[in-house]
Amino acid sequence: MKYVVVTGGVMSGQGKGIVSASIGKILKSYGLKV
């Protein structure tokens, strides 16, 4: 998770949106509710 936080801090607003969407898809793939 540290890698995601660091990457999100470096990326721009759109970048964070893409990362958040990717994380959401990953969580859903594990059957977790977002």
PDB file of N, CA and C in Angstrom:
ATOM      1  N   MET A   1       0.834  -1.202   0.000  1.00  0.00           N
ATOM      2  CA  MET A   1       0.000   0.000   0.000  1.00  0.00           C
ATOM      3  C   MET A   1       0.871   1.256   0.000  1.00  0.00           C
ATOM      4  N   LYS A   2       2.046   1.175   0.586  1.00  0.00           N
ATOM      5  CA  LYS A   2       2.943   2.344   0.618  1.00  0.00           C
ATOM      6  C   LYS A   2       3.265   2.791  -0.806  1.00  0.00           C
ATOM      7  N   TYR A   3       3.463   1.837  -1.702  1.00  0.00           N
ATOM      8  CA  TYR A   3       3.792   2.156  -3.098  1.00  0.00           C
ATOM      9  C   TYR A   3       2.666   2.955  -3.737  1.00  0.00           C
ATOM     10  N   VAL A   4       1.412   2.567  -3.445  1.00  0.00           N
ATOM     11  CA  VAL A   4       0.258   3.265  -4.023  1.00  0.00           C
ATOM     12  C   VAL A   4       0.207   4.693  -3.512  1.00  0.00           C
ATOM     13  N   VAL A   5       0.441   4.877  -2.212  1.00  0.00           N
ATOM     14  CA  VAL A   5       0.382   6.216  -1.614  1.00  0.00           C
ATOM     15  C   VAL A   5       1.447   7.109  -2.230  1.00  0.00           C
ATOM     16  N   VAL A   6       2.665   6.608  -2.352  1.00  0.00           N
ATOM     17  CA  VAL A   6       3.761   7.397  -2.913  1.00  0.00           C
ATOM     18  C   VAL A   6       3.465   7.751  -4.366  1.00  0.00           C
ATOM     19  N   THR A   7       3.008   6.772  -5.136  1.00  0.00           N
ATOM     20  CA  THR A   7       2.707   7.007  -6.547  1.00  0.00           C
ATOM     21  C   THR A   7       1.599   8.038  -6.686  1.00  0.00           C
ATOM     22  N   GLY A   8       0.562   7.935  -5.846  1.00  0.00           N
ATOM     23  CA  GLY A   8      -0.552   8.876  -5.905  1.00  0.00           C
ATOM     24  C   GLY A   8      -0.087  10.289  -5.607  1.00  0.00           C
ATOM     25  N   GLY A   9       0.877  10.426  -4.693  1.00  0.00           N
ATOM     26  CA  GLY A   9       1.361  11.757  -4.338  1.00  0.00           C
ATOM     27  C   GLY A   9       2.130  12.398  -5.478  1.00  0.00           C
ATOM     28  N   VAL A  10       2.796  11.585  -6.297  1.00  0.00           N
ATOM     29  CA  VAL A  10       3.592  12.116  -7.401  1.00  0.00           C
ATOM     30  C   VAL A  10       2.713  12.462  -8.594  1.00  0.00           C
ATOM     31  N   MET A  11       1.674  11.678  -8.817  1.00  0.00           N
ATOM     32  CA  MET A  11       0.811  11.885  -9.988  1.00  0.00           C
ATOM     33  C   MET A  11      -0.070  13.120  -9.829  1.00  0.00           C
ATOM     34  N   SER A  12      -0.649  13.541 -10.949  1.00  0.00           N
ATOM     35  CA  SER A  12      -1.533  14.712 -10.941  1.00  0.00           C
ATOM     36  C   SER A  12      -2.937  14.302 -10.519  1.00  0.00           C
ATOM     37  N   GLY A  13      -3.880  15.241 -10.573  1.00  0.00           N
ATOM     38  CA  GLY A  13      -5.260  14.956 -10.178  1.00  0.00           C
ATOM     39  C   GLY A  13      -5.841  13.817 -10.989  1.00  0.00           C
ATOM     40  N   GLN A  14      -5.659  13.856 -12.307  1.00  0.00           N
ATOM     41  CA  GLN A  14      -6.187  12.788 -13.162  1.00  0.00           C
ATOM     42  C   GLN A  14      -5.505  11.474 -12.827  1.00  0.00           C
ATOM     43  N   GLY A  15      -4.213  11.540 -12.555  1.00  0.00           N
ATOM     44  CA  GLY A  15      -3.465  10.330 -12.219  1.00  0.00           C
ATOM     45  C   GLY A  15      -4.059   9.673 -10.983  1.00  0.00           C
ATOM     46  N   LYS A  16      -4.372  10.492  -9.979  1.00  0.00           N
ATOM     47  CA  LYS A  16      -4.961   9.942  -8.753  1.00  0.00           C
ATOM     48  C   LYS A  16      -6.294   9.288  -9.067  1.00  0.00           C
ATOM     49  N   GLY A  17      -7.065   9.912  -9.963  1.00  0.00           N
ATOM     50  CA  GLY A  17      -8.363   9.344 -10.327  1.00  0.00           C
ATOM     51  C   GLY A  17      -8.194   7.970 -10.952  1.00  0.00           C
ATOM     52  N   ILE A  18      -7.196   7.844 -11.824  1.00  0.00           N
ATOM     53  CA  ILE A  18      -6.942   6.565 -12.493  1.00  0.00           C
ATOM     54  C   ILE A  18      -6.505   5.524 -11.463  1.00  0.00           C
ATOM     55  N   VAL A  19      -5.620   5.929 -10.551  1.00  0.00           N
ATOM     56  CA  VAL A  19      -5.135   5.003  -9.518  1.00  0.00           C
ATOM     57  C   VAL A  19      -6.297   4.558  -8.643  1.00  0.00           C
ATOM     58  N   SER A  20      -7.151   5.515  -8.249  1.00  0.00           N
ATOM     59  CA  SER A  20      -8.297   5.185  -7.397  1.00  0.00           C
ATOM     60  C   SER A  20      -9.215   4.201  -8.114  1.00  0.00           C
ATOM     61  N   ALA A  21      -9.448   4.424  -9.399  1.00  0.00           N
ATOM     62  CA  ALA A  21     -10.310   3.532 -10.172  1.00  0.00           C
ATOM     63  C   ALA A  21      -9.695   2.138 -10.239  1.00  0.00           C
ATOM     64  N   SER A  22      -8.377   2.085 -10.418  1.00  0.00           N
ATOM     65  CA  SER A  22      -7.687   0.797 -10.491  1.00  0.00           C
ATOM     66  C   SER A  22      -7.810   0.065  -9.162  1.00  0.00           C
ATOM     67  N   ILE A  23      -7.618   0.804  -8.052  1.00  0.00           N
ATOM     68  CA  ILE A  23      -7.717   0.197  -6.724  1.00  0.00           C
ATOM     69  C   ILE A  23      -9.139  -0.318  -6.517  1.00  0.00           C
ATOM     70  N   GLY A  24     -10.131   0.471  -6.958  1.00  0.00           N
ATOM     71  CA  GLY A  24     -11.521   0.053  -6.809  1.00  0.00           C
ATOM     72  C   GLY A  24     -11.777  -1.253  -7.541  1.00  0.00           C
ATOM     73  N   LYS A  25     -11.252  -1.375  -8.745  1.00  0.00           N
ATOM     74  CA  LYS A  25     -11.442  -2.601  -9.529  1.00  0.00           C
ATOM     75  C   LYS A  25     -10.765  -3.773  -8.833  1.00  0.00           C
ATOM     76  N   ILE A  26      -9.579  -3.531  -8.281  1.00  0.00           N
ATOM     77  CA  ILE A  26      -8.846  -4.597  -7.589  1.00  0.00           C
ATOM     78  C   ILE A  26      -9.637  -5.060  -6.369  1.00  0.00           C
ATOM     79  N   LEU A  27     -10.156  -4.101  -5.589  1.00  0.00           N
ATOM     80  CA  LEU A  27     -10.932  -4.457  -4.397  1.00  0.00           C
ATOM     81  C   LEU A  27     -12.175  -5.243  -4.796  1.00  0.00           C
ATOM     82  N   LYS A  28     -12.845  -4.823  -5.868  1.00  0.00           N
ATOM     83  CA  LYS A  28     -14.053  -5.516  -6.319  1.00  0.00           C
ATOM     84  C   LYS A  28     -13.696  -6.927  -6.767  1.00  0.00           C
ATOM     85  N   SER A  29     -12.531  -7.100  -7.360  1.00  0.00           N
ATOM     86  CA  SER A  29     -12.122  -8.422  -7.830  1.00  0.00           C
ATOM     87  C   SER A  29     -11.939  -9.365  -6.647  1.00  0.00           C
ATOM     88  N   TYR A  30     -11.652  -8.800  -5.468  1.00  0.00           N
ATOM     89  CA  TYR A  30     -11.500  -9.611  -4.263  1.00  0.00           C
ATOM     90  C   TYR A  30     -12.835  -9.783  -3.552  1.00  0.00           C
ATOM     91  N   GLY A  31     -13.917  -9.197  -4.106  1.00  0.00           N
ATOM     92  CA  GLY A  31     -15.237  -9.353  -3.517  1.00  0.00           C
ATOM     93  C   GLY A  31     -15.503  -8.369  -2.392  1.00  0.00           C
ATOM     94  N   LEU A  32     -14.730  -7.282  -2.321  1.00  0.00           N
ATOM     95  CA  LEU A  32     -14.935  -6.291  -1.261  1.00  0.00           C
ATOM     96  C   LEU A  32     -15.835  -5.175  -1.764  1.00  0.00           C
ATOM     97  N   LYS A  33     -16.659  -4.653  -0.871  1.00  0.00           N
ATOM     98  CA  LYS A  33     -17.551  -3.553  -1.260  1.00  0.00           C
ATOM     99  C   LYS A  33     -16.816  -2.230  -1.158  1.00  0.00           C
ATOM    100  N   VAL A  34     -16.955  -1.379  -2.184  1.00  0.00           N
ATOM    101  CA  VAL A  34     -16.276  -0.081  -2.176  1.00  0.00           C
ATOM    102  C   VAL A  34     -17.291   1.011  -1.878  1.00  0.00           C
TER     103      VAL A  34
END
